[in-house]
Structures are given as C-alpha cells and as structure tokens.
Protein backbone atom coordinates (compact mmCIF):
# COMPACT_ATOMS: atom_id res chain seq x y z
CA MET A 1 7.26 -24.47 12.20
CA CYS A 2 5.85 -23.34 8.66
CA SER A 3 5.01 -25.74 5.90
CA GLU A 4 4.68 -25.44 2.11
CA ARG A 5 0.90 -25.41 2.74
CA ASP A 6 1.09 -22.03 4.51
CA LEU A 7 1.98 -20.18 1.25
CA GLU A 8 -1.41 -19.11 -0.33
CA THR A 9 -0.55 -15.94 -2.31
CA LEU A 10 2.12 -15.14 -4.80
CA HIS A 11 2.53 -11.32 -5.65
CA LEU A 12 4.29 -11.60 -8.89
CA GLU A 13 6.15 -8.67 -10.77
CA VAL A 14 6.25 -9.81 -14.38
CA THR A 15 8.23 -6.68 -15.38
CA ASN A 16 9.48 -3.53 -13.65
CA ARG A 17 9.46 -1.75 -17.03
CA CYS A 18 6.64 0.76 -17.56
CA ASN A 19 5.50 3.09 -20.35
CA PHE A 20 4.28 5.74 -17.97
CA GLU A 21 6.32 8.11 -15.65
CA CYS A 22 3.92 8.83 -12.85
CA GLU A 23 4.56 11.68 -10.50
CA VAL A 24 4.11 9.59 -7.32
CA CYS A 25 5.83 6.41 -8.41
CA ILE A 26 8.67 4.71 -6.65
CA ARG A 27 10.64 4.57 -9.76
CA ARG A 28 11.71 8.27 -9.33
CA THR A 29 13.65 7.24 -6.08
CA TRP A 30 15.36 3.98 -7.24
CA SER A 31 18.17 2.72 -9.37
CA ALA A 32 16.82 -0.75 -10.05
CA LYS A 33 17.78 -2.41 -13.31
CA ARG A 34 14.77 -2.71 -15.73
CA THR A 35 13.97 -6.25 -16.46
CA ASP A 36 11.22 -8.85 -17.36
CA LEU A 37 10.76 -12.01 -15.28
CA ASN A 38 12.69 -14.80 -16.79
CA ILE A 39 10.31 -17.27 -18.33
CA ASP A 40 12.24 -20.41 -17.23
CA ILE A 41 12.04 -19.20 -13.63
CA TYR A 42 8.35 -18.58 -14.08
CA ASN A 43 7.82 -22.06 -15.23
CA LYS A 44 9.68 -23.51 -12.23
CA ILE A 45 7.65 -21.48 -9.83
CA ALA A 46 4.44 -22.67 -11.62
CA GLU A 47 5.39 -26.31 -11.36
CA SER A 48 6.50 -26.18 -7.71
CA ALA A 49 4.16 -23.53 -6.08
CA PHE A 50 1.11 -23.07 -8.22
CA PRO A 51 -0.65 -26.26 -6.98
CA LEU A 52 -0.55 -24.86 -3.39
CA LEU A 53 -1.89 -21.36 -4.14
CA ARG A 54 -5.23 -19.76 -3.65
CA ARG A 55 -4.25 -16.46 -5.31
CA LEU A 56 -1.85 -15.18 -7.87
CA VAL A 57 -1.60 -11.51 -7.93
CA ILE A 58 0.10 -9.93 -11.04
CA CYS A 59 1.36 -6.45 -10.53
CA GLY A 60 4.37 -4.58 -9.27
CA PHE A 61 6.31 -1.48 -10.06
CA GLY A 62 5.94 -1.89 -13.83
CA GLU A 63 3.22 -2.39 -16.37
CA PRO A 64 2.34 -6.03 -16.80
CA PHE A 65 1.31 -5.74 -20.49
CA ALA A 66 4.81 -4.30 -21.21
CA ASN A 67 6.04 -8.00 -20.98
CA SER A 68 5.28 -9.69 -24.35
CA ASN A 69 5.03 -12.96 -22.58
CA LEU A 70 2.13 -12.04 -20.32
CA VAL A 71 -0.55 -14.00 -22.17
CA SER A 72 1.46 -17.09 -22.05
CA ILE A 73 2.14 -16.45 -18.35
CA LEU A 74 -1.49 -16.32 -17.71
CA ARG A 75 -2.19 -19.40 -19.84
CA THR A 76 0.35 -21.36 -17.84
CA ALA A 77 -1.26 -19.91 -14.56
CA LYS A 78 -4.66 -21.34 -15.60
CA GLU A 79 -3.16 -24.86 -16.42
CA LYS A 80 -1.19 -25.19 -13.08
CA LEU A 81 -3.34 -23.43 -10.49
CA PRO A 82 -6.12 -25.28 -8.71
CA SER A 83 -9.47 -24.53 -10.43
CA GLU A 84 -10.84 -22.56 -7.53
CA SER A 85 -7.74 -20.26 -7.30
CA GLU A 86 -7.90 -16.46 -8.29
CA VAL A 87 -5.69 -14.56 -10.75
CA ILE A 88 -5.73 -10.94 -10.27
CA LEU A 89 -3.96 -8.39 -12.50
CA THR A 90 -3.51 -4.72 -12.21
CA THR A 91 -2.96 -2.55 -15.37
CA ASN A 92 -2.59 1.15 -16.33
CA GLY A 93 -4.94 0.06 -19.08
CA SER A 94 -2.91 1.78 -21.98
CA LEU A 95 -1.77 -1.44 -23.63
CA LEU A 96 -4.64 -3.58 -23.16
CA VAL A 97 -5.72 -3.58 -26.71
CA PRO A 98 -8.86 -5.35 -27.94
CA THR A 99 -7.03 -8.43 -29.43
CA ILE A 100 -5.42 -9.02 -25.99
CA SER A 101 -8.84 -8.49 -24.15
CA ASP A 102 -10.43 -11.00 -26.45
CA LYS A 103 -7.94 -13.64 -25.39
CA LEU A 104 -8.23 -12.82 -21.61
CA VAL A 105 -11.98 -13.15 -21.83
CA SER A 106 -12.50 -16.04 -24.33
CA ARG A 107 -9.84 -18.14 -22.49
CA GLY A 108 -10.90 -17.23 -18.94
CA LEU A 109 -7.36 -16.18 -17.91
CA LEU A 110 -8.31 -13.72 -15.14
CA SER A 111 -10.53 -13.69 -12.14
CA GLU A 112 -10.06 -10.16 -11.56
CA LEU A 113 -8.78 -7.27 -13.70
CA SER A 114 -8.11 -3.78 -12.19
CA PHE A 115 -7.40 -0.56 -14.19
CA SER A 116 -5.35 2.34 -12.61
CA ILE A 117 -7.45 5.58 -13.23
CA ASP A 118 -7.14 8.69 -10.90
CA THR A 119 -9.34 11.16 -12.72
CA VAL A 120 -11.46 11.78 -15.70
CA ASP A 121 -9.92 15.06 -16.45
CA ALA A 122 -7.70 14.14 -19.38
CA MET A 123 -5.15 17.03 -18.89
CA LYS A 124 -4.85 16.15 -15.27
CA LEU A 125 -4.35 12.42 -15.92
CA SER A 126 -1.62 13.20 -18.31
CA ARG A 127 0.17 15.24 -15.74
CA ILE A 128 -0.26 12.78 -12.92
CA ARG A 129 0.60 9.76 -15.00
CA LYS A 130 2.93 11.02 -17.81
CA GLY A 131 2.36 9.16 -20.87
CA ALA A 132 -1.45 8.32 -20.05
CA ARG A 133 -4.15 9.18 -22.62
CA LEU A 134 -7.40 9.02 -20.85
CA GLN A 135 -9.56 8.24 -23.87
CA THR A 136 -7.38 5.31 -24.87
CA ILE A 137 -7.63 3.88 -21.23
CA LEU A 138 -11.56 4.38 -21.17
CA ASN A 139 -11.97 2.78 -24.63
CA ASN A 140 -9.91 -0.18 -23.63
CA LEU A 141 -11.88 -0.48 -20.28
CA LYS A 142 -15.16 -0.22 -22.20
CA TYR A 143 -14.07 -2.98 -24.67
CA VAL A 144 -13.10 -5.53 -22.10
CA VAL A 145 -16.33 -4.83 -20.03
CA ASN A 146 -18.33 -5.45 -23.13
CA ALA A 147 -16.46 -8.45 -24.08
CA ARG A 148 -16.94 -9.83 -20.58
CA ASN A 149 -20.65 -9.10 -20.55
CA ARG A 150 -21.14 -10.67 -24.02
CA SER A 151 -19.15 -13.86 -23.13
CA GLY A 152 -20.75 -14.55 -19.88
CA ASN A 153 -17.42 -14.70 -18.30
CA ARG A 154 -17.35 -14.01 -14.62
CA MET A 155 -14.33 -11.95 -14.53
CA ARG A 156 -14.57 -9.04 -11.98
CA ILE A 157 -13.33 -5.57 -13.47
CA GLY A 158 -12.44 -2.78 -11.13
CA VAL A 159 -10.48 0.50 -11.00
CA GLY A 160 -7.83 1.42 -8.51
CA VAL A 161 -7.59 5.21 -7.60
CA VAL A 162 -4.69 6.83 -5.80
CA VAL A 163 -6.20 9.67 -3.62
CA THR A 164 -4.28 12.93 -3.31
CA THR A 165 -5.02 16.65 -3.08
CA ASP A 166 -5.06 16.50 -6.84
CA ASN A 167 -8.23 14.49 -7.31
CA VAL A 168 -10.03 14.22 -3.95
CA GLY A 169 -12.55 16.89 -5.04
CA GLU A 170 -13.37 14.84 -8.27
CA LEU A 171 -14.01 11.37 -6.48
CA PRO A 172 -17.72 11.50 -6.60
CA GLU A 173 -17.71 12.42 -10.42
CA LEU A 174 -15.09 9.70 -10.98
CA MET A 175 -17.30 7.23 -9.02
CA ARG A 176 -20.47 7.89 -11.24
CA HIS A 177 -18.37 7.96 -14.53
CA LEU A 178 -16.92 4.46 -13.69
CA ALA A 179 -20.22 3.08 -12.51
CA GLU A 180 -21.67 3.96 -15.78
CA LYS A 181 -18.76 1.96 -17.39
CA GLN A 182 -20.25 -1.05 -15.35
CA VAL A 183 -17.13 -1.83 -13.31
CA ASP A 184 -17.68 -3.99 -10.43
CA TYR A 185 -15.52 -2.35 -7.77
CA ILE A 186 -13.33 0.71 -7.11
CA MET A 187 -10.41 0.45 -4.72
CA MET A 188 -9.11 3.77 -3.34
CA THR A 189 -5.75 4.03 -1.63
CA HIS A 190 -3.78 6.95 -0.23
CA VAL A 191 -0.61 7.68 -1.96
CA VAL A 192 2.67 6.26 -0.57
CA PRO A 193 4.93 9.38 -0.04
CA TYR A 194 8.47 8.83 -1.43
CA SER A 195 9.30 12.47 -1.04
CA ALA A 196 8.20 15.54 1.10
CA ASN A 197 6.43 16.94 -1.90
CA ILE A 198 4.24 13.78 -2.35
CA SER A 199 3.64 13.89 1.55
CA ASP A 200 2.27 17.40 1.26
CA ARG A 201 -0.26 16.12 -1.27
CA SER A 202 -1.40 13.05 0.89
CA LEU A 203 -4.76 13.08 2.74
CA PHE A 204 -4.24 10.89 5.77
CA THR A 205 -2.40 11.05 9.10
CA THR A 206 -0.22 8.47 10.82
CA LEU A 207 -1.66 9.71 14.00
CA SER A 208 -4.03 7.41 15.78
CA ARG A 209 -7.52 8.80 15.78
CA ARG A 210 -8.03 7.69 19.47
CA SER A 211 -4.94 9.62 20.51
CA ILE A 212 -6.20 12.83 18.90
CA GLU A 213 -9.65 12.31 20.64
CA ILE A 214 -8.02 11.70 24.08
CA ILE A 215 -5.87 14.88 23.74
CA ALA A 216 -8.75 16.95 22.63
CA SER A 217 -11.06 15.72 25.34
CA SER A 218 -9.51 17.67 28.27
CA SER A 219 -8.19 21.24 28.67
CA GLU A 220 -5.55 19.80 30.83
CA TYR A 221 -3.62 18.85 27.76
CA GLU A 222 -3.92 22.16 25.93
CA PRO A 223 -0.44 23.38 26.98
CA LEU A 224 1.10 20.42 25.43
CA LEU A 225 -0.03 21.51 21.98
CA ARG A 226 2.10 24.74 22.03
CA PRO A 227 4.88 24.72 19.36
CA ASP A 228 7.61 24.92 22.05
CA ALA A 229 6.10 22.21 24.36
CA ALA A 230 7.92 19.24 22.71
CA GLN A 231 11.29 20.83 23.38
CA GLU A 232 10.37 21.45 26.99
CA ILE A 233 9.35 17.90 27.36
CA LEU A 234 12.59 16.72 25.88
CA ALA A 235 14.69 19.07 28.14
CA GLN A 236 12.63 17.82 31.27
CA ALA A 237 13.20 14.11 30.18
CA SER A 238 16.95 14.86 30.02
CA GLY A 239 17.00 16.06 33.60
CA THR A 240 16.39 19.84 33.22
CA HIS A 241 14.19 21.21 35.87
CA ASP A 242 10.66 21.75 34.82
CA GLU A 243 9.26 24.96 36.01
CA SER A 244 6.21 24.96 33.80
CA GLY A 245 4.85 21.78 34.98
CA ILE A 246 4.37 20.62 31.45
CA GLY A 247 6.31 17.50 32.04
CA GLN A 248 3.75 16.38 34.63
CA ALA A 249 0.97 16.96 32.16
CA PHE A 250 2.66 14.96 29.55
CA ARG A 251 3.31 12.10 31.92
CA ASP A 252 -0.45 12.22 32.81
CA LEU A 253 -1.34 12.14 29.25
CA TRP A 254 1.41 9.44 28.35
CA ASN A 255 -0.05 7.17 31.03
CA HIS A 256 -3.60 7.74 29.94
CA LEU A 257 -2.71 6.85 26.38
CA ALA A 258 -0.51 3.77 27.25
CA SER A 259 -3.42 2.38 29.31
CA GLN A 260 -5.38 2.22 26.06
CA GLY A 261 -2.41 1.02 23.78
CA TYR A 262 -1.52 4.46 22.43
CA SER A 263 1.11 7.13 22.79
CA ALA A 264 1.26 10.79 21.76
CA ASN A 265 3.25 12.33 18.79
CA LEU A 266 2.75 15.87 20.06
CA PRO A 267 5.23 17.52 17.62
CA MET A 268 3.43 16.08 14.55
CA LEU A 269 -0.02 17.13 16.14
CA CYS A 270 1.15 20.58 16.62
CA ASN A 271 2.24 20.82 12.95
CA SER A 272 -0.57 18.95 11.44
CA GLN A 273 -3.57 21.27 11.99
CA LYS A 274 -3.92 21.95 8.24
CA LYS A 275 -3.47 18.38 7.40
CA LEU A 276 -6.07 17.17 10.05
CA GLU A 277 -8.55 19.51 8.51
CA GLN A 278 -7.86 17.91 5.08
CA VAL A 279 -8.25 14.66 6.66
CA ARG A 280 -11.65 15.52 7.94
CA HIS A 281 -12.87 16.84 4.51
CA THR A 282 -11.56 13.64 2.83
CA GLU A 283 -13.37 11.47 5.38
CA GLU A 284 -16.62 13.38 4.34
CA GLY A 285 -15.74 12.98 0.67
CA PHE A 286 -15.49 9.04 1.35
CA ALA A 287 -18.83 9.09 2.97
CA GLU A 288 -20.32 10.56 -0.27
CA CYS A 289 -18.44 8.01 -2.17
CA SER A 290 -19.92 5.19 -0.08
CA ARG A 291 -23.31 6.67 -0.76
CA ILE A 292 -22.78 6.57 -4.47
CA ALA A 293 -21.51 3.02 -4.25
CA ARG A 294 -24.70 2.00 -2.66
CA GLU A 295 -26.66 3.73 -5.37
CA TYR A 296 -24.99 1.78 -8.13
CA ASP A 297 -24.56 -1.33 -6.13
CA LEU A 298 -20.62 -0.93 -6.47
CA ASP A 299 -18.12 -2.62 -4.29
CA LEU A 300 -16.15 0.39 -2.72
CA ARG A 301 -12.96 -0.44 -0.85
CA LEU A 302 -11.83 2.71 1.09
CA PRO A 303 -8.58 3.26 2.97
CA ASN A 304 -8.43 4.58 6.47
CA VAL A 305 -7.71 8.21 6.87
CA TYR A 306 -6.44 7.90 10.42
CA SER A 307 -4.08 5.15 11.63
CA ASP A 308 -4.98 3.15 14.60
CA ALA A 309 -1.82 1.79 16.32
CA ALA A 310 -3.87 -0.91 18.23
CA LYS A 311 -5.51 -2.31 14.97
CA ARG A 312 -2.42 -2.69 12.64
CA VAL A 313 -2.40 -5.84 10.37
CA CYS A 314 0.24 -6.84 7.81
CA PRO A 315 -1.64 -7.69 4.56
CA TYR A 316 0.97 -10.07 3.45
CA MET A 317 0.60 -11.95 6.69
CA GLU A 318 -3.16 -12.08 6.42
CA LYS A 319 -2.86 -13.64 2.91
CA ASN A 320 0.30 -15.67 3.52
CA ALA A 321 1.74 -13.87 0.62
CA LEU A 322 5.29 -13.09 -0.64
CA PHE A 323 6.53 -10.78 -3.48
CA ILE A 324 8.65 -11.92 -6.41
CA ARG A 325 10.54 -9.21 -8.09
CA SER A 326 11.06 -9.21 -11.83
CA ASP A 327 14.65 -10.28 -11.49
CA GLY A 328 13.58 -13.36 -9.62
CA ARG A 329 14.48 -12.20 -6.16
CA VAL A 330 12.00 -12.85 -3.35
CA ALA A 331 11.02 -10.22 -0.92
CA PRO A 332 8.34 -10.30 1.88
CA CYS A 333 6.31 -7.24 0.38
CA THR A 334 6.42 -4.48 -2.05
CA ASP A 335 7.63 -1.82 0.62
CA PHE A 336 10.92 -4.06 1.09
CA ALA A 337 11.21 -5.14 -2.44
CA TYR A 338 13.62 -2.32 -3.55
CA THR A 339 15.75 0.34 -1.83
CA HIS A 340 14.02 3.58 -2.01
CA GLU A 341 13.54 6.91 -0.23
CA SER A 342 10.37 7.63 1.70
CA TYR A 343 8.92 10.47 3.67
CA VAL A 344 6.66 9.78 6.65
CA ASN A 345 5.96 11.35 10.06
CA MET A 346 7.47 14.55 8.91
CA HIS A 347 10.96 13.01 8.13
CA GLY A 348 12.83 11.44 5.34
CA LYS A 349 14.14 7.91 5.40
CA THR A 350 15.63 5.23 3.45
CA VAL A 351 14.07 1.93 3.06
CA ASN A 352 16.45 -0.64 2.37
CA GLU A 353 15.39 -3.78 0.38
CA LEU A 354 15.06 -7.13 2.11
CA VAL A 355 15.59 -10.13 -0.02
CA PHE A 356 15.21 -13.72 1.32
CA GLY A 357 16.40 -15.52 -1.77
CA ASP A 358 17.13 -15.58 -5.44
CA LEU A 359 15.14 -17.99 -7.62
CA MET A 360 18.06 -17.93 -10.22
CA ARG A 361 19.79 -20.24 -7.78
CA GLU A 362 17.16 -21.45 -5.20
CA LYS A 363 13.73 -23.06 -5.15
CA LEU A 364 10.79 -20.94 -4.07
CA MET A 365 9.59 -23.35 -1.45
CA ASP A 366 13.04 -23.53 0.11
CA ILE A 367 13.19 -19.79 0.50
CA TRP A 368 9.73 -19.74 1.99
CA MET A 369 10.69 -22.22 4.54
CA ARG A 370 14.05 -20.39 5.61
CA LYS A 371 14.33 -20.08 9.27
CA ASP A 372 15.03 -16.30 9.21
CA TYR A 373 11.95 -15.81 6.80
CA GLU A 374 9.85 -17.86 9.03
CA THR A 375 10.89 -15.63 12.08
CA PHE A 376 10.11 -12.55 10.13
CA ARG A 377 6.52 -13.89 9.37
CA TYR A 378 6.09 -14.87 12.99
CA ASP A 379 6.82 -11.47 14.38
CA ARG A 380 4.42 -9.74 12.02
CA LYS A 381 1.62 -11.91 12.57
CA LYS A 382 1.20 -10.04 15.98
CA ILE A 383 2.50 -6.77 14.64
CA VAL A 384 0.79 -4.76 17.21
CA ASP A 385 2.45 -6.60 20.14
CA ASN A 386 5.74 -7.00 18.51
CA MET A 387 6.35 -3.66 16.77
CA PRO A 388 6.06 0.07 17.74
CA TRP A 389 3.98 2.45 15.73
CA CYS A 390 6.18 5.59 15.06
CA GLY A 391 3.09 7.70 13.90
CA ASP A 392 2.28 8.08 17.53
CA CYS A 393 5.62 8.66 18.80
CA PRO A 394 7.28 12.16 19.30
CA PHE A 395 10.79 10.83 18.80
CA SER A 396 10.17 9.81 15.09
CA THR A 397 9.21 13.31 14.26
CA LEU A 398 12.01 14.88 16.16
CA GLY A 399 14.89 12.96 14.57
CA CYS A 400 15.02 9.67 16.27
CA PHE A 401 18.00 7.53 15.15
CA PHE A 402 15.58 4.47 14.37
CA SER A 403 13.55 6.30 11.97
CA LYS A 404 16.39 7.27 9.46
CA THR A 405 16.00 3.79 7.81
CA ASN A 406 14.08 0.62 8.34
CA GLY A 407 17.07 -1.18 9.57
CA ARG A 408 16.05 -1.53 13.28
CA ASP A 409 13.37 -0.19 15.65
CA CYS A 410 13.40 0.70 19.31
CA TYR A 411 11.89 -2.78 20.03
CA GLY A 412 15.06 -4.44 18.54
CA ASN A 413 13.22 -5.63 15.34
CA GLU A 414 15.63 -5.92 12.38
CA PRO A 415 14.33 -4.67 9.85
CA SER A 416 11.32 -2.63 11.13
CA CYS A 417 7.84 -2.22 9.93
CA SER A 418 7.07 0.49 12.44
CA GLU A 419 6.08 3.11 9.79
CA CYS A 420 4.39 0.85 7.31
CA LEU A 421 1.38 2.56 5.76
CA TYR A 422 -0.13 -0.73 4.54
CA SER A 423 -0.29 -2.15 8.12
CA ALA A 424 -2.28 0.91 9.12
CA GLY A 425 -4.73 0.55 6.22
CA LEU A 426 -3.76 3.84 4.84
CA SER A 427 -2.38 2.52 1.72
CA GLN A 428 -3.84 -0.53 -0.11
CA CYS A 429 -3.01 -2.81 -2.92
CA ASN A 430 -5.04 -5.47 -4.81
CA LEU A 431 -3.47 -8.29 -2.80
C-alpha cells in the first residue's frame, strides 16, 4: 500500500499558455484550452502536499513567466516547502526581465533555473522557436547569472537543449558559448516526435543497441535484413511454407535475443540505415561535448542515442512524481497529460490523456492514494518486467493494432508505456 509519504515530487504546470510557437511543440497537435493554474487550487496543494515534498518542478507545456502570479507562487513554495526541498523552474528566457530576476535571487525563491536555448544562431533560433529573440534571451541569462554571483545565492543555472538535425553540428560551439556565460549545467534531450516530419529530424533510435550488435555479429542473420524478409517471416508465421529457410534463421535469432532479454525489429532496422549512421555521428558529437564539459567543469546531462529494452526506467517512478496540469487535473506524467498525436517506430499513434483526478473537486493526496493510481505506479516500478518495448518488435512497425494508441499493449497493460521515450532515456526533462 502507498502512503502520503511516498509522494516526493510535484511537476507543476502553472500555465499552458506560451509566447512562442516552437516547431516541435506538442501544442501543434492538441486542442487543450489555454489556462493558468487557479491560485486557490495552488494554495490548497501548498497546504496539504508541500510539507511532504523533496522537489517542486515548475514547467509544462507553457511558459511559466506568462502566469502573472508566478513570483507569488514561488514565494508560497518557499514558505510551505521543507527548507531542504528543491524548487526547479524551466523557462524559455524571454520574459525573465531584470526586475523579476532580482526578486528570484534576492528572496532565494529557486534552487535551480533552466533556460531553453537550442542554438546561438539567431535566425535559426527564431525559426525553430517562433517568437524567440536570441539576444534578449542571452541578455536575460547573463543578468540573472551576474545577479546570482553578486549575491552569493547558490541557485544553479542551466540550459536545456533539444537536439535535432537542425542543431547537432553546432553543439560544441553552443557548449563553449554557454560555458563562458557561467552556466552550471547543460541538459540535452532528443526531440519527442509529434509528427513524421519531426521524427525525420530526430537523432536517436528506439532499437536496442544490443539487438543491433547481435544481428551484426553473424553472417547467418544477413538474409534477415533484406527489405522483403519481414513479409516472408510474417507469411511463414501464418502457416505459409517457408522455402527460403528464412523462418528458421529468424527463430534462431529471436531465441538468441530472447535469452538476453531482447527481440528484433527487422523492418525498422532494414529501413533505418541512414538514421543509424546519423545516430553514430551524434554519439561522436556527444563525446566531444563531454570533453568540452570537462574542460569547463560543466555538469553535462546527455540522453541515450540507442534504447535498451532491458534498462528502461520511468523517471516519474524514480522521483515518486506526478504532473498537475494548469487546469488542475492530475496526470501521472507529461506524456499522458494531454491527448496528442505522436510518431514513433515508423508509425503514427494517438496518445490519449490519462487523468486520475481533478483538484477542483478532489484533494491531491486522495488522488495520489487512489487504488487505480497505486496499481498504475506499481506496474511501472518494474517496467522492464511488466511492459513490452515496441522499439524492438517488428509488429509495431508493421501496423500492430496495439501500437495505434496508448490504450493497451500486448501484455494487457491499460494504458501502455511500451513506446515511452523517457523510459528509454532518449528524451529527458528537468524532473
């Protein structure tokens, strides 16, 4: 059984309004009503839950500083949270004017502040993040860093970078530029693809590296990489006579992989040679970024470039966290917060929202302790054992019924987390 004490982290969306229109944002695929978090709801959360927390994370699918009550929200957090608790905020940096920075620093309202900056090419940034003015953001970053340094405040200041084909070649330059701005850390994440176009610009693979290595290790498996091999395998599985012997080769491979906890998505592997080459180059680029981070004594947080089906972890389970939408509804994570379209494993899907309660009518701790929510969390504590990984499954790429939505997977989980990029460490947030 869970208890109130199990809740450690609140991921709070204070608004889902934003002054930018980013190319890769979920906001392009949803129909959510724009709203700010009701201040009365927030105060009730602060009274009931804040004394239990280790971490309050303020970010979501809007720009926090678009909420005019943000400084008041932070002030209440400082009053109600335990003294050792962290308050982390992510911003696009455009609205963090000096007068607000002075309040954040002088009153010690934040433990960590993260700016979202993908490139130091002003024209490119204005295209990627429509509405962004690079110099304004960098000026605001410089001001808050200087204010922090003058005051002796221990607030950590960092930058979040969404890595795509648009900016991957500039990452070393971006690293050096930000290091000279005296940021403390840089967190890179792969883009979450909400469309096929965004997927084409991504630089990761949901294929497990170990599966790829095993398939490449023996010439016995080479026939399986022919473009028509997948259809032959499916035909053989449905009872058609296998004259080529490819079915036996596939069974041998499948058994070899299964003995190590993996499977083989041959259709995606056959069609991903260009992507895998990009992934290899990205890994080399990340190695260079790591070298620069050591040079400047920067904390660098890199995503994976390959998945690993046997090493998945739900970050919300790790941090005992939940997500509160700006309308007061409670979801288990950002991916399940709003209904939206997604594109993963070479197919589109609809991700339906999963809401466990509404703070307009219910208390937060009552929602946290609901039986169905407790069961949801229990199943994801051991996600490797309890949930499949579609990245390594050929059927996900060939039109599997279960991969059309997040409603159910082939293990019977409702809903499914079988294509969650966060569980594979491919996408990251400042949780």
